Amino acid sequence: SSVEKHVSLMLPNPPQFIPITFPYYERVTL
């Protein structure tokens, strides 16, 4: 979710992130 994504950005080499669970509302899917 967004929690794991933003925590991972504090790493020296952040992993690629793929959302699968909430809370995550940063992508518009039409």
PDB file of all heavy atoms in Angstrom:
ATOM      1  N   SER A   1       0.841  -1.197   0.000  1.00  0.00           N
ATOM      2  CA  SER A   1       0.000   0.000   0.000  1.00  0.00           C
ATOM      3  C   SER A   1       0.875   1.246   0.000  1.00  0.00           C
ATOM      4  O   SER A   1       2.107   1.166  -0.067  1.00  0.00           O
ATOM      5  CB  SER A   1      -0.897  -0.005   1.241  1.00  0.00           C
ATOM      6  OG  SER A   1      -0.109   0.201   2.417  1.00  0.00           O
ATOM      7  N   SER A   2       0.236   2.399   0.124  1.00  0.00           N
ATOM      8  CA  SER A   2       0.982   3.660   0.187  1.00  0.00           C
ATOM      9  C   SER A   2       1.925   3.692   1.385  1.00  0.00           C
ATOM     10  O   SER A   2       2.974   4.335   1.338  1.00  0.00           O
ATOM     11  CB  SER A   2       0.010   4.834   0.271  1.00  0.00           C
ATOM     12  OG  SER A   2      -0.699   5.000  -0.929  1.00  0.00           O
ATOM     13  N   VAL A   3       1.549   3.018   2.461  1.00  0.00           N
ATOM     14  CA  VAL A   3       2.405   2.996   3.651  1.00  0.00           C
ATOM     15  C   VAL A   3       3.753   2.376   3.313  1.00  0.00           C
ATOM     16  O   VAL A   3       4.815   2.964   3.571  1.00  0.00           O
ATOM     17  CB  VAL A   3       1.719   2.212   4.798  1.00  0.00           C
ATOM     18  CG1 VAL A   3       2.670   2.088   5.991  1.00  0.00           C
ATOM     19  CG2 VAL A   3       0.431   2.892   5.213  1.00  0.00           C
ATOM     20  N   GLU A   4       3.734   1.189   2.724  1.00  0.00           N
ATOM     21  CA  GLU A   4       4.987   0.515   2.375  1.00  0.00           C
ATOM     22  C   GLU A   4       5.759   1.289   1.303  1.00  0.00           C
ATOM     23  O   GLU A   4       6.983   1.363   1.348  1.00  0.00           O
ATOM     24  CB  GLU A   4       4.707  -0.910   1.882  1.00  0.00           C
ATOM     25  CG  GLU A   4       4.227  -1.865   2.965  1.00  0.00           C
ATOM     26  CD  GLU A   4       2.768  -1.651   3.326  1.00  0.00           C
ATOM     27  OE1 GLU A   4       1.961  -1.363   2.414  1.00  0.00           O
ATOM     28  OE2 GLU A   4       2.428  -1.765   4.521  1.00  0.00           O
ATOM     29  N   LYS A   5       5.025   1.881   0.376  1.00  0.00           N
ATOM     30  CA  LYS A   5       5.690   2.636  -0.682  1.00  0.00           C
ATOM     31  C   LYS A   5       6.504   3.794  -0.101  1.00  0.00           C
ATOM     32  O   LYS A   5       7.693   3.962  -0.432  1.00  0.00           O
ATOM     33  CB  LYS A   5       4.652   3.186  -1.664  1.00  0.00           C
ATOM     34  CG  LYS A   5       5.251   4.100  -2.720  1.00  0.00           C
ATOM     35  CD  LYS A   5       4.178   4.716  -3.601  1.00  0.00           C
ATOM     36  CE  LYS A   5       4.785   5.702  -4.597  1.00  0.00           C
ATOM     37  NZ  LYS A   5       3.759   6.331  -5.455  1.00  0.00           N
ATOM     38  N   HIS A   6       5.879   4.582   0.763  1.00  0.00           N
ATOM     39  CA  HIS A   6       6.555   5.779   1.274  1.00  0.00           C
ATOM     40  C   HIS A   6       7.651   5.426   2.287  1.00  0.00           C
ATOM     41  O   HIS A   6       8.661   6.133   2.375  1.00  0.00           O
ATOM     42  CB  HIS A   6       5.534   6.732   1.864  1.00  0.00           C
ATOM     43  CG  HIS A   6       4.660   7.375   0.823  1.00  0.00           C
ATOM     44  ND1 HIS A   6       5.126   8.317  -0.065  1.00  0.00           N
ATOM     45  CD2 HIS A   6       3.359   7.173   0.508  1.00  0.00           C
ATOM     46  CE1 HIS A   6       4.145   8.684  -0.884  1.00  0.00           C
ATOM     47  NE2 HIS A   6       3.071   8.001  -0.562  1.00  0.00           N
ATOM     48  N   VAL A   7       7.464   4.342   3.030  1.00  0.00           N
ATOM     49  CA  VAL A   7       8.539   3.894   3.909  1.00  0.00           C
ATOM     50  C   VAL A   7       9.736   3.447   3.082  1.00  0.00           C
ATOM     51  O   VAL A   7      10.892   3.750   3.413  1.00  0.00           O
ATOM     52  CB  VAL A   7       8.048   2.757   4.830  1.00  0.00           C
ATOM     53  CG1 VAL A   7       9.234   2.093   5.535  1.00  0.00           C
ATOM     54  CG2 VAL A   7       7.060   3.279   5.852  1.00  0.00           C
ATOM     55  N   SER A   8       9.489   2.750   1.982  1.00  0.00           N
ATOM     56  CA  SER A   8      10.590   2.232   1.158  1.00  0.00           C
ATOM     57  C   SER A   8      11.398   3.349   0.518  1.00  0.00           C
ATOM     58  O   SER A   8      12.572   3.144   0.177  1.00  0.00           O
ATOM     59  CB  SER A   8      10.049   1.301   0.072  1.00  0.00           C
ATOM     60  OG  SER A   8       9.359   2.025  -0.938  1.00  0.00           O
ATOM     61  N   LEU A   9      10.804   4.519   0.343  1.00  0.00           N
ATOM     62  CA  LEU A   9      11.531   5.632  -0.272  1.00  0.00           C
ATOM     63  C   LEU A   9      12.654   6.154   0.619  1.00  0.00           C
ATOM     64  O   LEU A   9      13.516   6.911   0.164  1.00  0.00           O
ATOM     65  CB  LEU A   9      10.560   6.767  -0.612  1.00  0.00           C
ATOM     66  CG  LEU A   9       9.525   6.451  -1.699  1.00  0.00           C
ATOM     67  CD1 LEU A   9       8.582   7.626  -1.911  1.00  0.00           C
ATOM     68  CD2 LEU A   9      10.208   6.066  -3.004  1.00  0.00           C
ATOM     69  N   MET A  10      12.661   5.737   1.886  1.00  0.00           N
ATOM     70  CA  MET A  10      13.741   6.133   2.788  1.00  0.00           C
ATOM     71  C   MET A  10      14.959   5.225   2.664  1.00  0.00           C
ATOM     72  O   MET A  10      15.997   5.485   3.277  1.00  0.00           O
ATOM     73  CB  MET A  10      13.238   6.130   4.240  1.00  0.00           C
ATOM     74  CG  MET A  10      12.205   7.214   4.529  1.00  0.00           C
ATOM     75  SD  MET A  10      11.723   7.297   6.272  1.00  0.00           S
ATOM     76  CE  MET A  10      10.545   5.945   6.334  1.00  0.00           C
ATOM     77  N   LEU A  11      14.845   4.159   1.870  1.00  0.00           N
ATOM     78  CA  LEU A  11      15.973   3.256   1.665  1.00  0.00           C
ATOM     79  C   LEU A  11      16.981   3.854   0.686  1.00  0.00           C
ATOM     80  O   LEU A  11      16.608   4.648  -0.192  1.00  0.00           O
ATOM     81  CB  LEU A  11      15.475   1.920   1.116  1.00  0.00           C
ATOM     82  CG  LEU A  11      14.551   1.099   2.017  1.00  0.00           C
ATOM     83  CD1 LEU A  11      13.967  -0.065   1.234  1.00  0.00           C
ATOM     84  CD2 LEU A  11      15.289   0.611   3.244  1.00  0.00           C
ATOM     85  N   PRO A  12      18.247   3.474   0.784  1.00  0.00           N
ATOM     86  CA  PRO A  12      19.247   3.980  -0.175  1.00  0.00           C
ATOM     87  C   PRO A  12      18.898   3.611  -1.616  1.00  0.00           C
ATOM     88  O   PRO A  12      19.081   4.417  -2.535  1.00  0.00           O
ATOM     89  CB  PRO A  12      20.543   3.285   0.281  1.00  0.00           C
ATOM     90  CG  PRO A  12      20.306   2.916   1.707  1.00  0.00           C
ATOM     91  CD  PRO A  12      18.842   2.632   1.826  1.00  0.00           C
ATOM     92  N   ASN A  13      18.390   2.392  -1.826  1.00  0.00           N
ATOM     93  CA  ASN A  13      17.975   1.936  -3.159  1.00  0.00           C
ATOM     94  C   ASN A  13      16.552   1.393  -3.066  1.00  0.00           C
ATOM     95  O   ASN A  13      16.353   0.170  -2.877  1.00  0.00           O
ATOM     96  CB  ASN A  13      18.925   0.850  -3.678  1.00  0.00           C
ATOM     97  CG  ASN A  13      20.335   1.355  -3.876  1.00  0.00           C
ATOM     98  OD1 ASN A  13      20.563   2.276  -4.653  1.00  0.00           O
ATOM     99  ND2 ASN A  13      21.282   0.760  -3.155  1.00  0.00           N
ATOM    100  N   PRO A  14      15.563   2.254  -3.194  1.00  0.00           N
ATOM    101  CA  PRO A  14      14.172   1.817  -3.036  1.00  0.00           C
ATOM    102  C   PRO A  14      13.790   0.775  -4.086  1.00  0.00           C
ATOM    103  O   PRO A  14      14.187   0.880  -5.248  1.00  0.00           O
ATOM    104  CB  PRO A  14      13.362   3.109  -3.234  1.00  0.00           C
ATOM    105  CG  PRO A  14      14.328   4.211  -2.987  1.00  0.00           C
ATOM    106  CD  PRO A  14      15.662   3.692  -3.440  1.00  0.00           C
ATOM    107  N   PRO A  15      13.018  -0.238  -3.706  1.00  0.00           N
ATOM    108  CA  PRO A  15      12.559  -1.227  -4.675  1.00  0.00           C
ATOM    109  C   PRO A  15      11.471  -0.664  -5.577  1.00  0.00           C
ATOM    110  O   PRO A  15      10.841   0.362  -5.253  1.00  0.00           O
ATOM    111  CB  PRO A  15      12.002  -2.341  -3.785  1.00  0.00           C
ATOM    112  CG  PRO A  15      11.559  -1.641  -2.535  1.00  0.00           C
ATOM    113  CD  PRO A  15      12.547  -0.518  -2.339  1.00  0.00           C
ATOM    114  N   GLN A  16      11.252  -1.307  -6.707  1.00  0.00           N
ATOM    115  CA  GLN A  16      10.104  -0.958  -7.538  1.00  0.00           C
ATOM    116  C   GLN A  16       8.828  -1.309  -6.774  1.00  0.00           C
ATOM    117  O   GLN A  16       8.756  -2.365  -6.137  1.00  0.00           O
ATOM    118  CB  GLN A  16      10.158  -1.720  -8.856  1.00  0.00           C
ATOM    119  CG  GLN A  16      11.274  -1.293  -9.777  1.00  0.00           C
ATOM    120  CD  GLN A  16      11.054   0.108 -10.318  1.00  0.00           C
ATOM    121  OE1 GLN A  16       9.941   0.500 -10.628  1.00  0.00           O
ATOM    122  NE2 GLN A  16      12.139   0.870 -10.442  1.00  0.00           N
ATOM    123  N   PHE A  17       7.827  -0.446  -6.855  1.00  0.00           N
ATOM    124  CA  PHE A  17       6.608  -0.635  -6.050  1.00  0.00           C
ATOM    125  C   PHE A  17       5.406  -0.940  -6.944  1.00  0.00           C
ATOM    126  O   PHE A  17       5.229  -0.322  -8.009  1.00  0.00           O
ATOM    127  CB  PHE A  17       6.315   0.620  -5.231  1.00  0.00           C
ATOM    128  CG  PHE A  17       4.991   0.578  -4.522  1.00  0.00           C
ATOM    129  CD1 PHE A  17       4.823  -0.187  -3.377  1.00  0.00           C
ATOM    130  CD2 PHE A  17       3.895   1.276  -5.025  1.00  0.00           C
ATOM    131  CE1 PHE A  17       3.600  -0.246  -2.738  1.00  0.00           C
ATOM    132  CE2 PHE A  17       2.665   1.222  -4.392  1.00  0.00           C
ATOM    133  CZ  PHE A  17       2.516   0.454  -3.238  1.00  0.00           C
ATOM    134  N   ILE A  18       4.580  -1.903  -6.504  1.00  0.00           N
ATOM    135  CA  ILE A  18       3.341  -2.248  -7.195  1.00  0.00           C
ATOM    136  C   ILE A  18       2.217  -2.283  -6.162  1.00  0.00           C
ATOM    137  O   ILE A  18       2.296  -3.039  -5.193  1.00  0.00           O
ATOM    138  CB  ILE A  18       3.453  -3.615  -7.893  1.00  0.00           C
ATOM    139  CG1 ILE A  18       4.522  -3.556  -8.993  1.00  0.00           C
ATOM    140  CG2 ILE A  18       2.104  -4.027  -8.491  1.00  0.00           C
ATOM    141  CD1 ILE A  18       4.793  -4.893  -9.658  1.00  0.00           C
ATOM    142  N   PRO A  19       1.164  -1.479  -6.336  1.00  0.00           N
ATOM    143  CA  PRO A  19       0.075  -1.464  -5.343  1.00  0.00           C
ATOM    144  C   PRO A  19      -0.835  -2.681  -5.473  1.00  0.00           C
ATOM    145  O   PRO A  19      -1.202  -3.081  -6.574  1.00  0.00           O
ATOM    146  CB  PRO A  19      -0.683  -0.178  -5.688  1.00  0.00           C
ATOM    147  CG  PRO A  19      -0.439   0.019  -7.156  1.00  0.00           C
ATOM    148  CD  PRO A  19       0.947  -0.500  -7.413  1.00  0.00           C
ATOM    149  N   ILE A  20      -1.191  -3.260  -4.316  1.00  0.00           N
ATOM    150  CA  ILE A  20      -2.140  -4.371  -4.307  1.00  0.00           C
ATOM    151  C   ILE A  20      -3.182  -4.244  -3.211  1.00  0.00           C
ATOM    152  O   ILE A  20      -4.169  -4.992  -3.192  1.00  0.00           O
ATOM    153  CB  ILE A  20      -1.430  -5.738  -4.146  1.00  0.00           C
ATOM    154  CG1 ILE A  20      -0.655  -5.788  -2.821  1.00  0.00           C
ATOM    155  CG2 ILE A  20      -0.523  -6.036  -5.331  1.00  0.00           C
ATOM    156  CD1 ILE A  20      -0.197  -7.180  -2.437  1.00  0.00           C
ATOM    157  N   THR A  21      -2.975  -3.310  -2.262  1.00  0.00           N
ATOM    158  CA  THR A  21      -3.885  -3.248  -1.125  1.00  0.00           C
ATOM    159  C   THR A  21      -4.048  -1.814  -0.648  1.00  0.00           C
ATOM    160  O   THR A  21      -3.289  -0.924  -1.047  1.00  0.00           O
ATOM    161  CB  THR A  21      -3.368  -4.137   0.019  1.00  0.00           C
ATOM    162  OG1 THR A  21      -4.351  -4.207   1.062  1.00  0.00           O
ATOM    163  CG2 THR A  21      -2.075  -3.584   0.613  1.00  0.00           C
ATOM    164  N   PHE A  22      -5.079  -1.577   0.160  1.00  0.00           N
ATOM    165  CA  PHE A  22      -5.324  -0.236   0.661  1.00  0.00           C
ATOM    166  C   PHE A  22      -4.561  -0.016   1.961  1.00  0.00           C
ATOM    167  O   PHE A  22      -4.208  -0.981   2.636  1.00  0.00           O
ATOM    168  CB  PHE A  22      -6.836  -0.019   0.848  1.00  0.00           C
ATOM    169  CG  PHE A  22      -7.445  -0.714   2.042  1.00  0.00           C
ATOM    170  CD1 PHE A  22      -7.777  -0.004   3.178  1.00  0.00           C
ATOM    171  CD2 PHE A  22      -7.694  -2.086   2.026  1.00  0.00           C
ATOM    172  CE1 PHE A  22      -8.338  -0.633   4.282  1.00  0.00           C
ATOM    173  CE2 PHE A  22      -8.260  -2.728   3.108  1.00  0.00           C
ATOM    174  CZ  PHE A  22      -8.583  -1.998   4.241  1.00  0.00           C
ATOM    175  N   PRO A  23      -4.252   1.212   2.329  1.00  0.00           N
ATOM    176  CA  PRO A  23      -4.633   2.437   1.616  1.00  0.00           C
ATOM    177  C   PRO A  23      -3.690   2.762   0.454  1.00  0.00           C
ATOM    178  O   PRO A  23      -2.497   2.857   0.629  1.00  0.00           O
ATOM    179  CB  PRO A  23      -4.516   3.508   2.709  1.00  0.00           C
ATOM    180  CG  PRO A  23      -3.473   2.977   3.653  1.00  0.00           C
ATOM    181  CD  PRO A  23      -3.615   1.491   3.629  1.00  0.00           C
ATOM    182  N   TYR A  24      -4.272   2.878  -0.739  1.00  0.00           N
ATOM    183  CA  TYR A  24      -3.524   3.341  -1.898  1.00  0.00           C
ATOM    184  C   TYR A  24      -4.496   4.024  -2.848  1.00  0.00           C
ATOM    185  O   TYR A  24      -5.362   3.381  -3.426  1.00  0.00           O
ATOM    186  CB  TYR A  24      -2.819   2.199  -2.637  1.00  0.00           C
ATOM    187  CG  TYR A  24      -1.948   2.700  -3.768  1.00  0.00           C
ATOM    188  CD1 TYR A  24      -0.688   3.216  -3.513  1.00  0.00           C
ATOM    189  CD2 TYR A  24      -2.414   2.701  -5.072  1.00  0.00           C
ATOM    190  CE1 TYR A  24       0.099   3.710  -4.545  1.00  0.00           C
ATOM    191  CE2 TYR A  24      -1.626   3.183  -6.106  1.00  0.00           C
ATOM    192  CZ  TYR A  24      -0.375   3.687  -5.842  1.00  0.00           C
ATOM    193  OH  TYR A  24       0.404   4.191  -6.848  1.00  0.00           O
ATOM    194  N   TYR A  25      -4.341   5.343  -2.987  1.00  0.00           N
ATOM    195  CA  TYR A  25      -5.256   6.112  -3.822  1.00  0.00           C
ATOM    196  C   TYR A  25      -4.474   7.067  -4.726  1.00  0.00           C
ATOM    197  O   TYR A  25      -4.952   8.130  -5.087  1.00  0.00           O
ATOM    198  CB  TYR A  25      -6.237   6.895  -2.939  1.00  0.00           C
ATOM    199  CG  TYR A  25      -6.840   6.037  -1.855  1.00  0.00           C
ATOM    200  CD1 TYR A  25      -6.540   6.254  -0.517  1.00  0.00           C
ATOM    201  CD2 TYR A  25      -7.697   4.983  -2.169  1.00  0.00           C
ATOM    202  CE1 TYR A  25      -7.085   5.449   0.477  1.00  0.00           C
ATOM    203  CE2 TYR A  25      -8.243   4.178  -1.189  1.00  0.00           C
ATOM    204  CZ  TYR A  25      -7.934   4.417   0.133  1.00  0.00           C
ATOM    205  OH  TYR A  25      -8.460   3.615   1.111  1.00  0.00           O
ATOM    206  N   GLU A  26      -3.253   6.674  -5.095  1.00  0.00           N
ATOM    207  CA  GLU A  26      -2.388   7.557  -5.863  1.00  0.00           C
ATOM    208  C   GLU A  26      -2.446   7.280  -7.355  1.00  0.00           C
ATOM    209  O   GLU A  26      -1.741   7.902  -8.133  1.00  0.00           O
ATOM    210  CB  GLU A  26      -0.943   7.409  -5.348  1.00  0.00           C
ATOM    211  CG  GLU A  26      -0.794   7.765  -3.873  1.00  0.00           C
ATOM    212  CD  GLU A  26       0.566   7.389  -3.322  1.00  0.00           C
ATOM    213  OE1 GLU A  26       1.538   7.394  -4.101  1.00  0.00           O
ATOM    214  OE2 GLU A  26       0.658   7.078  -2.123  1.00  0.00           O
ATOM    215  N   ARG A  27      -3.263   6.319  -7.762  1.00  0.00           N
ATOM    216  CA  ARG A  27      -3.376   5.989  -9.177  1.00  0.00           C
ATOM    217  C   ARG A  27      -4.838   6.052  -9.601  1.00  0.00           C
ATOM    218  O   ARG A  27      -5.715   5.549  -8.904  1.00  0.00           O
ATOM    219  CB  ARG A  27      -2.841   4.580  -9.441  1.00  0.00           C
ATOM    220  CG  ARG A  27      -3.111   4.080 -10.855  1.00  0.00           C
ATOM    221  CD  ARG A  27      -2.740   2.621 -11.025  1.00  0.00           C
ATOM    222  NE  ARG A  27      -1.292   2.441 -11.064  1.00  0.00           N
ATOM    223  CZ  ARG A  27      -0.716   1.256 -11.137  1.00  0.00           C
ATOM    224  NH1 ARG A  27      -1.456   0.161 -11.158  1.00  0.00           N
ATOM    225  NH2 ARG A  27       0.602   1.158 -11.172  1.00  0.00           N
ATOM    226  N   VAL A  28      -5.088   6.691 -10.719  1.00  0.00           N
ATOM    227  CA  VAL A  28      -6.438   6.721 -11.284  1.00  0.00           C
ATOM    228  C   VAL A  28      -6.568   5.547 -12.242  1.00  0.00           C
ATOM    229  O   VAL A  28      -5.775   5.391 -13.175  1.00  0.00           O
ATOM    230  CB  VAL A  28      -6.701   8.047 -12.026  1.00  0.00           C
ATOM    231  CG1 VAL A  28      -8.061   8.006 -12.713  1.00  0.00           C
ATOM    232  CG2 VAL A  28      -6.633   9.218 -11.049  1.00  0.00           C
ATOM    233  N   THR A  29      -7.551   4.690 -12.021  1.00  0.00           N
ATOM    234  CA  THR A  29      -7.781   3.531 -12.876  1.00  0.00           C
ATOM    235  C   THR A  29      -9.165   3.644 -13.499  1.00  0.00           C
ATOM    236  O   THR A  29     -10.174   3.489 -12.810  1.00  0.00           O
ATOM    237  CB  THR A  29      -7.679   2.216 -12.082  1.00  0.00           C
ATOM    238  OG1 THR A  29      -6.394   2.143 -11.447  1.00  0.00           O
ATOM    239  CG2 THR A  29      -7.854   1.021 -13.000  1.00  0.00           C
ATOM    240  N   LEU A  30      -9.218   3.944 -14.779  1.00  0.00           N
ATOM    241  CA  LEU A  30     -10.481   4.080 -15.490  1.00  0.00           C
ATOM    242  C   LEU A  30     -10.768   2.859 -16.366  1.00  0.00           C
ATOM    243  O   LEU A  30     -11.904   2.666 -16.808  1.00  0.00           O
ATOM    244  CB  LEU A  30     -10.477   5.347 -16.350  1.00  0.00           C
ATOM    245  CG  LEU A  30     -10.272   6.666 -15.586  1.00  0.00           C
ATOM    246  CD1 LEU A  30     -10.231   7.836 -16.555  1.00  0.00           C
ATOM    247  CD2 LEU A  30     -11.367   6.873 -14.551  1.00  0.00           C
TER     248      LEU A  30
END
